[in-house]
């Protein structure tokens, strides 16, 4: 039976080690400066382009959307570094065995280290809240929309931390686990886009189409509804599609094109429906439906994170009958 007090003990120990370096103040300060600079430049750019907005009081929608995409991209860079060396780094320093010989269970050690790294990521995420609050003052945003986006980003940070920690438990060298953690993160963020772009042409087929005037012709038809799932694990797709849509009166005037979250989410949802710009000889294509993608992507992320935690727990079990070459017990 896992004891929450033991988990908290590991979390507290990890924080003591992290705070002892003293560099965290400079890192958080630099992060705040970067957020402020990005928000300032973005707000200035949107004010310059206000003449293109149907309603000038809704500048908060694109401001918040671009800000959260920037925050998500930055957190995908920061998060692997938080836990990519928590297990094998302690092995290299000879401090992991000290924890393993105590009454702490492997699950308590794994969750404690994960929560410590995840908490640091959540603190960095929380520092962006004042800038999201500024975006709310510019109009068009609701607290529910902001809370939903922040909740999804927080879960994705936890997933990346869990995967990085599992790699730290599987691999003997901390530098190797750190590099592979970034490879996995880039695969989710960029590799899914590349995989979709490569898979889409493979779905093409030659079909006979009919014009409204009855003229028949052949055309290449691709089927994105067969490979849309390749984009589901993408963190940017998950956040954009999970964000509640802007009010109908705003999207009806075209402001939605200035909201990157709604724009990405709508485009991805359309991929789940067959193309409808022509008519088959056998009849019309079914009407497009609003099919969300984020439940599949977020579910995949949660399962990936949970599986990574189980891998870490398994690697922390003692006694062990075999160690990687060059790895010491204590």
Protein backbone atom coordinates (compact mmCIF):
# COMPACT_ATOMS: atom_id res chain seq x y z
CA UNK A 1 0.00 0.00 0.00
CA UNK A 2 1.49 3.31 -1.09
CA UNK A 3 1.90 5.90 1.64
CA UNK A 4 1.26 9.54 0.53
CA UNK A 5 3.57 10.76 3.29
CA UNK A 6 6.43 8.76 1.77
CA UNK A 7 5.71 10.25 -1.65
CA UNK A 8 5.78 13.74 -0.17
CA UNK A 9 9.07 12.90 1.55
CA UNK A 10 10.65 12.14 -1.83
CA UNK A 11 9.13 15.30 -3.33
CA UNK A 12 10.57 17.42 -0.51
CA UNK A 13 13.99 15.82 -0.91
CA UNK A 14 13.98 16.50 -4.65
CA UNK A 15 13.06 20.13 -4.06
CA UNK A 16 15.90 20.52 -1.56
CA UNK A 17 18.35 19.23 -4.16
CA UNK A 18 16.96 21.49 -6.90
CA UNK A 19 16.86 24.61 -4.71
CA UNK A 20 20.37 24.03 -3.44
CA UNK A 21 21.86 24.98 -6.80
CA UNK A 22 20.44 28.51 -6.64
CA UNK A 23 20.09 28.81 -10.41
CA UNK A 24 16.31 28.42 -10.35
CA UNK A 25 15.78 32.09 -9.51
CA UNK A 26 17.66 33.20 -12.62
CA UNK A 27 15.87 30.66 -14.79
CA UNK A 28 12.40 31.70 -13.60
CA UNK A 29 13.37 35.35 -13.97
CA UNK A 30 14.54 34.77 -17.54
CA UNK A 31 11.31 32.91 -18.29
CA UNK A 32 9.24 35.83 -16.99
CA UNK A 33 11.22 38.29 -19.10
CA UNK A 34 10.75 36.10 -22.17
CA UNK A 35 6.98 35.88 -21.59
CA UNK A 36 6.72 39.62 -21.08
CA UNK A 37 8.72 40.38 -24.21
CA UNK A 38 6.69 37.96 -26.34
CA UNK A 39 3.37 39.32 -25.04
CA UNK A 40 4.48 42.91 -25.60
CA UNK A 41 5.57 42.28 -29.17
CA UNK A 42 2.49 40.21 -29.95
CA UNK A 43 0.14 42.81 -28.53
CA UNK A 44 1.87 45.54 -30.51
CA UNK A 45 1.54 43.49 -33.69
CA UNK A 46 -2.16 42.85 -33.11
CA UNK A 47 -2.80 46.53 -32.41
CA UNK A 48 -1.09 47.41 -35.67
CA UNK A 49 -3.37 44.98 -37.51
CA UNK A 50 -6.53 45.99 -35.68
CA UNK A 51 -8.03 47.42 -38.87
CA UNK A 52 -8.46 43.86 -40.15
CA UNK A 53 -10.44 42.77 -37.11
CA UNK A 54 -14.24 42.96 -37.40
CA UNK A 55 -14.45 43.90 -33.72
CA UNK A 56 -11.54 45.74 -32.11
CA UNK A 57 -12.69 44.74 -28.62
CA UNK A 58 -11.90 41.06 -29.28
CA UNK A 59 -8.12 41.32 -29.56
CA UNK A 60 -7.77 39.07 -26.53
CA UNK A 61 -8.76 35.99 -28.57
CA UNK A 62 -5.72 35.91 -30.91
CA UNK A 63 -3.50 37.30 -28.15
CA UNK A 64 -4.32 34.39 -25.84
CA UNK A 65 -4.16 31.83 -28.65
CA UNK A 66 -0.68 32.76 -29.83
CA UNK A 67 0.51 33.14 -26.24
CA UNK A 68 -0.59 29.62 -25.30
CA UNK A 69 0.98 28.09 -28.41
CA UNK A 70 4.23 29.83 -27.47
CA UNK A 71 3.96 28.64 -23.86
CA UNK A 72 3.21 25.07 -24.97
CA UNK A 73 6.18 25.02 -27.34
CA UNK A 74 8.45 26.39 -24.64
CA UNK A 75 7.21 23.86 -22.08
CA UNK A 76 7.88 21.01 -24.51
CA UNK A 77 11.49 22.20 -24.53
CA UNK A 78 11.72 22.68 -20.76
CA UNK A 79 9.83 19.61 -19.51
CA UNK A 80 12.24 16.85 -20.66
CA UNK A 81 15.07 18.51 -18.75
CA UNK A 82 13.07 18.31 -15.51
CA UNK A 83 13.03 14.51 -15.21
CA UNK A 84 15.33 13.10 -17.91
CA UNK A 85 18.12 12.52 -15.36
CA UNK A 86 16.23 11.88 -12.14
CA UNK A 87 16.87 8.10 -12.02
CA UNK A 88 20.12 7.43 -13.86
CA UNK A 89 21.55 10.70 -12.57
CA UNK A 90 21.10 9.46 -9.01
CA UNK A 91 22.62 6.13 -10.02
CA UNK A 92 25.69 7.89 -11.40
CA UNK A 93 26.05 9.87 -8.17
CA UNK A 94 25.50 6.77 -6.06
CA UNK A 95 22.48 8.23 -4.22
CA UNK A 96 19.65 6.13 -5.66
CA UNK A 97 20.60 3.01 -3.71
CA UNK A 98 20.30 5.03 -0.51
CA UNK A 99 16.60 5.52 -1.24
CA UNK A 100 16.06 1.95 -2.39
CA UNK A 101 17.35 0.40 0.84
CA UNK A 102 14.89 2.43 2.92
CA UNK A 103 11.25 1.53 3.53
CA UNK A 104 10.24 3.58 0.50
CA UNK A 105 8.48 1.52 -2.17
CA UNK A 106 9.48 1.81 -5.85
CA UNK A 107 6.11 3.42 -6.62
CA UNK A 108 6.65 6.05 -3.92
CA UNK A 109 10.11 6.90 -5.24
CA UNK A 110 8.88 7.09 -8.84
CA UNK A 111 5.83 9.22 -8.07
CA UNK A 112 7.76 11.49 -5.71
CA UNK A 113 10.42 12.25 -8.28
CA UNK A 114 7.79 12.69 -11.00
CA UNK A 115 5.68 15.07 -8.92
CA UNK A 116 8.75 17.14 -8.08
CA UNK A 117 9.69 17.59 -11.73
CA UNK A 118 6.08 18.10 -12.80
CA UNK A 119 5.61 20.75 -10.09
CA UNK A 120 8.51 22.76 -11.47
CA UNK A 121 6.87 22.67 -14.88
CA UNK A 122 3.55 23.76 -13.39
CA UNK A 123 5.25 26.69 -11.65
CA UNK A 124 6.69 27.80 -14.98
CA UNK A 125 3.22 27.44 -16.51
CA UNK A 126 1.64 29.41 -13.67
CA UNK A 127 4.00 32.32 -14.33
CA UNK A 128 2.21 32.84 -17.65
CA UNK A 129 -1.18 33.34 -15.96
CA UNK A 130 -0.75 37.13 -15.50
CA UNK A 131 -0.16 37.49 -19.23
CA UNK A 132 -3.25 35.38 -19.97
CA UNK A 133 -5.11 37.67 -17.58
CA UNK A 134 -3.95 40.65 -19.62
CA UNK A 135 -5.31 38.95 -22.73
CA UNK A 136 -8.67 38.57 -20.98
CA UNK A 137 -8.79 42.32 -20.40
CA UNK A 138 -8.57 42.84 -24.18
CA UNK A 139 -11.95 41.16 -24.66
CA UNK A 140 -13.40 38.00 -26.21
CA UNK A 141 -12.17 35.49 -23.61
CA UNK A 142 -13.94 33.65 -20.84
CA UNK A 143 -12.51 32.11 -17.68
CA UNK A 144 -13.78 28.69 -18.80
CA UNK A 145 -11.80 28.84 -22.03
CA UNK A 146 -8.63 29.92 -20.28
CA UNK A 147 -9.02 27.23 -17.59
CA UNK A 148 -9.63 24.48 -20.17
CA UNK A 149 -6.49 25.34 -22.13
CA UNK A 150 -4.34 25.56 -19.00
CA UNK A 151 -5.68 22.24 -17.75
CA UNK A 152 -4.78 20.44 -20.97
CA UNK A 153 -1.31 22.03 -21.11
CA UNK A 154 -0.68 20.96 -17.50
CA UNK A 155 -1.57 17.34 -18.33
CA UNK A 156 0.73 17.37 -21.36
CA UNK A 157 3.59 18.65 -19.23
CA UNK A 158 3.02 15.73 -16.88
CA UNK A 159 3.09 13.27 -19.78
CA UNK A 160 6.40 14.59 -21.08
CA UNK A 161 7.88 14.47 -17.57
CA UNK A 162 6.68 10.87 -17.09
CA UNK A 163 8.12 9.72 -20.43
CA UNK A 164 11.45 11.43 -19.73
CA UNK A 165 11.65 9.81 -16.30
CA UNK A 166 10.92 6.37 -17.77
CA UNK A 167 13.78 6.83 -20.22
CA UNK A 168 15.96 7.88 -17.30
CA UNK A 169 15.07 4.62 -15.56
CA UNK A 170 15.64 2.48 -18.67
CA UNK A 171 18.95 3.95 -19.84
CA UNK A 172 22.23 3.88 -17.97
CA UNK A 173 23.60 7.26 -19.08
CA UNK A 174 21.87 10.52 -18.24
CA UNK A 175 23.04 12.23 -21.41
CA UNK A 176 21.47 9.46 -23.50
CA UNK A 177 18.13 9.64 -21.69
CA UNK A 178 18.07 13.43 -22.03
CA UNK A 179 18.67 13.27 -25.78
CA UNK A 180 16.07 10.56 -26.30
CA UNK A 181 13.57 12.53 -24.23
CA UNK A 182 13.87 15.40 -26.68
CA UNK A 183 13.62 12.98 -29.59
CA UNK A 184 10.34 11.60 -28.23
CA UNK A 185 9.01 15.12 -27.64
CA UNK A 186 9.94 16.23 -31.15
CA UNK A 187 8.36 13.09 -32.55
CA UNK A 188 5.06 14.02 -30.93
CA UNK A 189 5.24 17.68 -31.93
CA UNK A 190 6.82 17.44 -35.40
CA UNK A 191 7.02 13.75 -36.29
CA UNK A 192 3.24 13.37 -36.27
CA UNK A 193 2.93 16.16 -38.85
CA UNK A 194 5.56 14.53 -41.04
CA UNK A 195 3.90 11.13 -40.72
CA UNK A 196 0.52 12.58 -41.71
CA UNK A 197 2.02 14.41 -44.70
CA UNK A 198 3.70 11.19 -45.89
CA UNK A 199 0.66 8.98 -45.28
CA UNK A 200 -1.94 11.23 -46.93
CA UNK A 201 -0.76 10.68 -50.55
CA UNK A 202 -0.97 6.93 -49.95
CA UNK A 203 -4.73 7.25 -49.48
CA UNK A 204 -5.33 8.80 -52.92
CA UNK A 205 -7.53 7.01 -55.43
CA UNK A 206 -8.90 7.82 -58.89
CA UNK A 207 -12.65 8.35 -58.83
CA UNK A 208 -15.28 9.57 -61.25
CA UNK A 209 -16.90 12.86 -60.28
CA UNK A 210 -19.88 14.72 -61.71
CA UNK A 211 -20.24 18.46 -62.16
CA UNK A 212 -23.57 20.16 -61.38
CA UNK A 213 -24.15 20.34 -65.14
CA UNK A 214 -23.73 16.57 -65.47
CA UNK A 215 -20.21 16.53 -66.92
CA UNK A 216 -18.17 13.52 -65.78
CA UNK A 217 -14.44 13.59 -65.09
CA UNK A 218 -11.83 11.70 -63.09
CA UNK A 219 -9.97 13.19 -60.16
CA UNK A 220 -7.52 12.10 -57.50
CA UNK A 221 -9.26 11.92 -54.15
CA UNK A 222 -7.31 11.69 -50.90
CA UNK A 223 -8.89 10.31 -47.76
CA UNK A 224 -7.66 12.21 -44.70
CA UNK A 225 -10.40 10.49 -42.69
CA UNK A 226 -8.26 7.34 -42.85
CA UNK A 227 -5.07 8.85 -41.41
CA UNK A 228 -6.30 11.74 -39.23
CA UNK A 229 -5.38 9.74 -36.14
CA UNK A 230 -1.70 10.34 -36.89
CA UNK A 231 -2.24 13.95 -35.81
CA UNK A 232 -4.19 13.11 -32.64
CA UNK A 233 -1.11 12.71 -30.37
CA UNK A 234 0.30 16.08 -31.44
CA UNK A 235 0.36 18.37 -28.36
CA UNK A 236 -0.52 21.46 -30.38
CA UNK A 237 -3.49 19.70 -31.96
CA UNK A 238 -4.71 18.49 -28.57
CA UNK A 239 -4.57 21.95 -27.00
CA UNK A 240 -6.08 23.73 -30.00
CA UNK A 241 -8.92 21.26 -30.47
CA UNK A 242 -9.70 21.08 -26.73
CA UNK A 243 -10.05 24.85 -26.46
CA UNK A 244 -13.72 25.90 -26.45
CA UNK A 245 -14.62 27.68 -29.64
CA UNK A 246 -15.09 31.43 -29.77
CA UNK A 247 -18.71 32.69 -29.51
CA UNK A 248 -20.79 32.14 -32.70
CA UNK A 249 -21.24 35.87 -33.26
CA UNK A 250 -17.45 36.19 -33.44
CA UNK A 251 -16.81 33.25 -35.74
CA UNK A 252 -19.64 34.39 -38.00
CA UNK A 253 -17.85 37.66 -38.73
CA UNK A 254 -14.56 35.96 -39.61
CA UNK A 255 -12.69 36.71 -36.39
CA UNK A 256 -12.11 32.96 -36.00
CA UNK A 257 -9.33 33.12 -38.58
CA UNK A 258 -7.42 35.31 -36.12
CA UNK A 259 -7.71 32.71 -33.37
CA UNK A 260 -4.98 30.10 -33.98
CA UNK A 261 -6.55 27.63 -31.55
CA UNK A 262 -9.93 27.60 -33.29
CA UNK A 263 -8.29 27.60 -36.71
CA UNK A 264 -6.14 24.54 -35.95
CA UNK A 265 -8.97 22.75 -34.17
CA UNK A 266 -11.47 23.27 -36.98
CA UNK A 267 -9.02 22.18 -39.67
CA UNK A 268 -8.17 18.98 -37.80
CA UNK A 269 -11.83 18.13 -37.21
CA UNK A 270 -12.54 18.53 -40.92
CA UNK A 271 -9.94 15.85 -41.64
CA UNK A 272 -12.20 13.27 -39.99
CA UNK A 273 -14.90 13.81 -42.66
CA UNK A 274 -14.65 12.76 -46.33
CA UNK A 275 -13.95 15.47 -48.87
CA UNK A 276 -17.17 17.00 -50.13
CA UNK A 277 -16.19 19.35 -52.93
CA UNK A 278 -17.56 17.05 -55.64
CA UNK A 279 -20.23 14.40 -56.06
CA UNK A 280 -19.64 10.69 -56.60
CA UNK A 281 -21.52 9.07 -59.44
CA UNK A 282 -23.13 6.83 -56.84
CA UNK A 283 -24.52 9.78 -54.86
CA UNK A 284 -23.56 12.66 -52.60
CA UNK A 285 -21.00 12.45 -49.84
CA UNK A 286 -22.36 12.59 -46.30
CA UNK A 287 -22.50 15.97 -44.62
CA UNK A 288 -19.48 16.98 -42.60
CA UNK A 289 -19.83 16.43 -38.86
CA UNK A 290 -18.14 18.15 -35.98
CA UNK A 291 -15.90 15.32 -34.78
CA UNK A 292 -13.47 16.30 -32.02
CA UNK A 293 -9.95 14.90 -32.08
CA UNK A 294 -8.67 15.97 -28.67
CA UNK A 295 -10.29 13.12 -26.65
CA UNK A 296 -8.23 10.59 -28.60
CA UNK A 297 -5.03 12.61 -28.35
CA UNK A 298 -5.43 13.40 -24.68
CA UNK A 299 -6.37 9.80 -23.93
CA UNK A 300 -3.23 8.63 -25.72
CA UNK A 301 -1.13 11.10 -23.72
CA UNK A 302 -2.61 9.95 -20.40
CA UNK A 303 -2.04 6.28 -21.27
CA UNK A 304 1.51 7.08 -22.39
CA UNK A 305 2.20 8.86 -19.13
CA UNK A 306 0.67 6.09 -17.02
CA UNK A 307 2.64 3.44 -18.90
CA UNK A 308 5.83 5.42 -18.41
CA UNK A 309 5.22 5.55 -14.65
CA UNK A 310 4.74 1.77 -14.57
CA UNK A 311 8.01 1.29 -16.47
CA UNK A 312 9.82 3.50 -13.96
CA UNK A 313 8.36 1.59 -11.02
CA UNK A 314 9.38 -1.71 -12.54
CA UNK A 315 12.97 -0.51 -13.06
CA UNK A 316 13.20 0.68 -9.45
CA UNK A 317 12.29 -2.65 -7.92
CA UNK A 318 14.92 -4.33 -5.78
CA UNK A 319 16.70 -6.64 -5.53
CA UNK A 320 17.87 -6.80 -9.13
CA UNK A 321 19.82 -9.67 -10.64
CA UNK A 322 21.34 -7.71 -13.51
CA UNK A 323 22.67 -4.18 -13.90
CA UNK A 324 23.70 -2.38 -17.09
CA UNK A 325 27.43 -2.36 -17.79
CA UNK A 326 29.21 0.42 -15.94
CA UNK A 327 26.35 1.05 -13.51
CA UNK A 328 27.14 0.84 -9.82
CA UNK A 329 24.70 -0.08 -7.05
CA UNK A 330 25.85 2.59 -4.58
